[in-house]
Amino acid sequence: MKIRLLSLLLLLSLVPLNAQRTSFKPFAHYNDRMAEFAREKPINSETIVMLGDSMTEFGLDWNDRLDGANIVNRGIMSDTVEGVLYRLDKVLAGHPKAIFLMIGINDLSHNLTAQQVADKINRLVKRICDEAPETQLYVESCLPINESFGKWKTLWGRGDAIQDINRLVSDYCKRHDVEFINLYPRFLSQGTDQLRKELTRDGLHLSPAGYRIWGYELRPYIRELMEEDRD
């Protein structure tokens, strides 16, 4: 019995820490992106990390968008909170200067409630704060969608849920002194809960105009981080 127990403990010790924390199973594009990240310059204490799903990945060169330097794109299309948790060790190992996190819309599309998605995001926020207290964390709200494009049916009628996720995560961040950036209102069509048509190319992902607004909203935070470097 003791031998079996020792063998089990040994096997567990060989499993990566992130794999012990989540049941997430990587998919093809996820693995491809992870391979790309491994070929790039390692994250260090001067790095600003854009962390998230396709919204972040499709932003491409965030240095250009944010007039910054040493900003890396760590977005993965179709990623979820569990996927970010699975790869978080590789981000935090470099002790980045800052992380801008946007995640959750894919979790909502998996038939979860707003509370369930918010709980996942808050768990991720807590882990970043606990394991990287020297890293400045900025949590960005989820963005609205536009149902008139006829796509993303798993998100239809869930505008209120997106707002609830943002509210619940914002409340958590406020209680724990974490910076929350509420981008949601800047993307709304007036008087609705729908993403402005000119800011999207398919009802979910952003058009160039949408990325310009996102960049405009984040630049003050980037300038503040860069000014800290000069002080």
Protein backbone atom coordinates (compact mmCIF):
# COMPACT_ATOMS: atom_id res chain seq x y z
CA MET A 1 0.00 0.00 0.00
CA LYS A 2 2.80 2.39 0.94
CA ILE A 3 4.63 1.60 -2.30
CA ARG A 4 1.51 2.36 -4.38
CA LEU A 5 1.01 5.66 -2.53
CA LEU A 6 4.61 6.68 -3.07
CA SER A 7 4.33 5.79 -6.75
CA LEU A 8 1.21 7.92 -7.09
CA LEU A 9 2.87 10.88 -5.39
CA LEU A 10 5.85 10.53 -7.69
CA LEU A 11 3.64 10.55 -10.77
CA LEU A 12 1.81 13.65 -9.54
CA SER A 13 5.12 15.41 -8.98
CA LEU A 14 5.97 14.86 -12.64
CA VAL A 15 2.75 16.49 -13.86
CA PRO A 16 3.20 20.21 -14.69
CA LEU A 17 1.76 22.48 -12.02
CA ASN A 18 -0.64 24.15 -14.45
CA ALA A 19 -2.00 20.76 -15.53
CA GLN A 20 -2.82 19.99 -11.90
CA ARG A 21 -4.83 23.19 -11.64
CA THR A 22 -7.07 22.76 -14.67
CA SER A 23 -8.59 19.99 -16.78
CA PHE A 24 -8.07 22.07 -19.94
CA LYS A 25 -7.07 20.13 -23.05
CA PRO A 26 -5.00 22.11 -25.60
CA PHE A 27 -6.27 22.21 -29.19
CA ALA A 28 -4.31 22.54 -32.44
CA HIS A 29 -4.26 26.33 -32.74
CA TYR A 30 -3.48 26.64 -29.04
CA ASN A 31 -0.42 24.43 -29.48
CA ASP A 32 0.64 26.34 -32.59
CA ARG A 33 0.48 29.64 -30.73
CA MET A 34 2.37 28.22 -27.77
CA ALA A 35 5.11 27.12 -30.18
CA GLU A 36 5.20 30.65 -31.61
CA PHE A 37 5.53 32.14 -28.13
CA ALA A 38 8.43 29.79 -27.37
CA ARG A 39 10.32 31.13 -30.39
CA GLU A 40 9.90 34.75 -29.34
CA LYS A 41 12.06 36.78 -26.99
CA PRO A 42 11.30 35.65 -23.42
CA ILE A 43 9.05 37.76 -21.22
CA ASN A 44 11.01 39.80 -18.67
CA SER A 45 10.40 42.48 -16.06
CA GLU A 46 10.07 45.16 -18.75
CA THR A 47 7.47 43.27 -20.79
CA ILE A 48 3.82 44.31 -21.07
CA VAL A 49 1.64 41.29 -21.86
CA MET A 50 -1.63 41.44 -23.78
CA LEU A 51 -3.31 38.26 -22.54
CA GLY A 52 -6.53 36.75 -23.84
CA ASP A 53 -8.35 35.08 -26.71
CA SER A 54 -8.94 35.94 -30.39
CA MET A 55 -9.82 39.54 -29.56
CA THR A 56 -6.26 39.99 -28.35
CA GLU A 57 -4.61 37.71 -30.92
CA PHE A 58 -6.23 39.52 -33.87
CA GLY A 59 -4.87 42.82 -32.52
CA LEU A 60 -1.53 41.65 -33.98
CA ASP A 61 1.21 44.21 -33.20
CA TRP A 62 0.15 45.87 -29.97
CA ASN A 63 3.32 47.98 -29.88
CA ASP A 64 2.08 49.71 -33.01
CA ARG A 65 -1.47 50.02 -31.70
CA LEU A 66 -0.48 51.39 -28.32
CA ASP A 67 2.58 53.46 -29.23
CA GLY A 68 4.56 51.31 -26.82
CA ALA A 69 7.64 49.18 -26.65
CA ASN A 70 8.16 45.63 -25.45
CA ILE A 71 4.44 44.76 -25.62
CA VAL A 72 3.82 41.11 -26.49
CA ASN A 73 0.67 39.52 -27.88
CA ARG A 74 -0.34 36.47 -25.88
CA GLY A 75 -3.81 36.06 -27.33
CA ILE A 76 -5.03 32.67 -28.55
CA MET A 77 -8.14 32.31 -30.69
CA SER A 78 -10.94 30.32 -28.97
CA ASP A 79 -9.17 30.44 -25.61
CA THR A 80 -11.03 30.36 -22.31
CA VAL A 81 -10.20 31.14 -18.71
CA GLU A 82 -9.09 27.54 -18.24
CA GLY A 83 -6.77 27.86 -21.24
CA VAL A 84 -5.17 30.98 -19.80
CA LEU A 85 -4.75 29.27 -16.43
CA TYR A 86 -3.10 26.33 -18.19
CA ARG A 87 -0.40 28.55 -19.73
CA LEU A 88 -0.17 31.20 -17.04
CA ASP A 89 3.01 29.81 -15.48
CA LYS A 90 4.90 30.58 -18.68
CA VAL A 91 3.72 34.20 -18.55
CA LEU A 92 4.36 34.80 -14.87
CA ALA A 93 7.77 33.11 -14.91
CA GLY A 94 9.22 36.19 -16.61
CA HIS A 95 7.82 38.57 -13.95
CA PRO A 96 6.22 40.92 -16.54
CA LYS A 97 5.86 44.59 -15.81
CA ALA A 98 2.12 44.54 -16.61
CA ILE A 99 -0.65 42.30 -17.90
CA PHE A 100 -3.73 43.49 -19.78
CA LEU A 101 -6.27 40.68 -19.50
CA MET A 102 -9.42 40.23 -21.60
CA ILE A 103 -11.08 36.83 -21.38
CA GLY A 104 -14.51 35.26 -20.81
CA ILE A 105 -16.61 35.57 -23.96
CA ASN A 106 -15.75 32.04 -25.10
CA ASP A 107 -16.56 30.70 -21.64
CA LEU A 108 -20.01 32.32 -21.92
CA SER A 109 -20.55 30.63 -25.30
CA HIS A 110 -20.06 27.26 -23.58
CA ASN A 111 -23.47 27.61 -21.94
CA LEU A 112 -22.19 28.89 -18.60
CA THR A 113 -24.03 31.45 -16.50
CA ALA A 114 -22.68 34.94 -15.96
CA GLN A 115 -21.86 34.02 -12.36
CA GLN A 116 -19.94 30.93 -13.43
CA VAL A 117 -17.90 32.89 -15.98
CA ALA A 118 -17.22 35.70 -13.51
CA ASP A 119 -16.13 33.20 -10.87
CA LYS A 120 -13.63 31.73 -13.33
CA ILE A 121 -12.25 35.14 -14.26
CA ASN A 122 -12.00 36.16 -10.62
CA ARG A 123 -10.11 32.96 -9.83
CA LEU A 124 -7.66 33.84 -12.60
CA VAL A 125 -7.30 37.39 -11.33
CA LYS A 126 -6.62 36.10 -7.81
CA ARG A 127 -3.94 33.73 -9.04
CA ILE A 128 -2.14 36.48 -10.96
CA CYS A 129 -2.26 38.78 -7.94
CA ASP A 130 -1.10 36.05 -5.56
CA GLU A 131 1.74 34.74 -7.72
CA ALA A 132 2.89 37.98 -9.36
CA PRO A 133 2.29 40.83 -6.88
CA GLU A 134 4.99 42.90 -8.60
CA THR A 135 3.09 42.77 -11.92
CA GLN A 136 0.58 45.55 -12.61
CA LEU A 137 -2.67 43.84 -13.64
CA TYR A 138 -5.33 45.52 -15.76
CA VAL A 139 -8.56 43.55 -16.17
CA GLU A 140 -10.55 44.59 -19.24
CA SER A 141 -14.28 44.09 -19.58
CA CYS A 142 -15.79 41.72 -22.12
CA LEU A 143 -17.14 43.53 -25.18
CA PRO A 144 -20.71 43.40 -26.55
CA ILE A 145 -21.63 41.39 -29.63
CA ASN A 146 -23.96 42.19 -32.55
CA GLU A 147 -26.53 39.51 -33.31
CA SER A 148 -27.65 41.03 -36.63
CA PHE A 149 -24.69 39.35 -38.38
CA GLY A 150 -26.37 35.97 -37.80
CA LYS A 151 -23.28 34.31 -36.36
CA TRP A 152 -22.20 33.15 -32.87
CA LYS A 153 -25.62 31.73 -32.04
CA THR A 154 -24.41 30.41 -28.69
CA LEU A 155 -24.17 34.05 -27.61
CA TRP A 156 -27.53 35.23 -28.93
CA GLY A 157 -29.71 36.92 -26.35
CA ARG A 158 -26.85 37.02 -23.84
CA GLY A 159 -26.21 40.75 -23.82
CA ASP A 160 -27.43 40.99 -20.24
CA ALA A 161 -25.11 38.13 -19.26
CA ILE A 162 -22.10 39.98 -20.72
CA GLN A 163 -23.04 43.03 -18.67
CA ASP A 164 -23.49 40.87 -15.56
CA ILE A 165 -20.04 39.31 -16.05
CA ASN A 166 -18.49 42.75 -16.32
CA ARG A 167 -20.32 43.96 -13.22
CA LEU A 168 -19.34 40.92 -11.13
CA VAL A 169 -15.69 41.06 -12.20
CA SER A 170 -15.59 44.84 -11.70
CA ASP A 171 -16.95 44.43 -8.17
CA TYR A 172 -14.33 41.78 -7.40
CA CYS A 173 -11.54 43.97 -8.75
CA LYS A 174 -12.74 46.94 -6.74
CA ARG A 175 -12.75 44.89 -3.54
CA HIS A 176 -9.21 43.66 -4.19
CA ASP A 177 -7.70 46.90 -5.48
CA VAL A 178 -7.22 45.64 -9.05
CA GLU A 179 -7.53 48.03 -11.99
CA PHE A 180 -10.66 47.31 -14.06
CA ILE A 181 -11.00 48.93 -17.48
CA ASN A 182 -14.64 49.06 -18.59
CA LEU A 183 -14.46 49.12 -22.39
CA TYR A 184 -18.01 47.82 -22.85
CA PRO A 185 -19.86 51.17 -23.09
CA ARG A 186 -17.45 52.54 -25.72
CA PHE A 187 -18.49 49.78 -28.15
CA LEU A 188 -22.27 49.92 -27.72
CA SER A 189 -24.75 51.11 -30.31
CA GLN A 190 -26.72 53.84 -28.54
CA GLY A 191 -29.79 52.61 -26.68
CA THR A 192 -29.02 48.91 -27.22
CA ASP A 193 -26.83 46.13 -25.85
CA GLN A 194 -25.39 45.50 -29.33
CA LEU A 195 -21.87 46.07 -30.62
CA ARG A 196 -21.74 48.97 -33.09
CA LYS A 197 -21.75 47.56 -36.63
CA GLU A 198 -18.88 49.71 -37.83
CA LEU A 199 -16.67 48.36 -35.03
CA THR A 200 -17.00 44.68 -35.98
CA ARG A 201 -16.43 42.50 -39.01
CA ASP A 202 -18.61 39.55 -38.01
CA GLY A 203 -20.65 40.56 -34.96
CA LEU A 204 -17.97 39.51 -32.48
CA HIS A 205 -14.45 40.23 -33.71
CA LEU A 206 -13.39 43.82 -34.15
CA SER A 207 -12.89 45.79 -37.33
CA PRO A 208 -9.89 48.15 -37.71
CA ALA A 209 -12.14 50.92 -36.33
CA GLY A 210 -12.88 48.78 -33.28
CA TYR A 211 -9.21 48.22 -32.62
CA ARG A 212 -8.55 51.94 -32.95
CA ILE A 213 -11.03 52.61 -30.13
CA TRP A 214 -9.55 49.85 -27.98
CA GLY A 215 -6.07 51.24 -28.55
CA TYR A 216 -7.22 54.77 -27.76
CA GLU A 217 -8.68 53.59 -24.43
CA LEU A 218 -5.51 51.74 -23.40
CA ARG A 219 -2.87 54.27 -24.44
CA PRO A 220 -3.13 56.36 -21.23
CA TYR A 221 -2.30 53.25 -19.18
CA ILE A 222 0.65 52.43 -21.44
CA ARG A 223 1.97 56.00 -21.19
CA GLU A 224 1.73 55.80 -17.41
CA LEU A 225 3.72 52.54 -17.38
CA MET A 226 6.37 54.01 -19.67
CA GLU A 227 6.65 57.15 -17.53
CA GLU A 228 7.31 54.93 -14.51
CA ASP A 229 10.32 53.54 -16.38
CA ARG A 230 11.72 57.03 -16.88
CA ASP A 231 11.34 58.03 -13.21
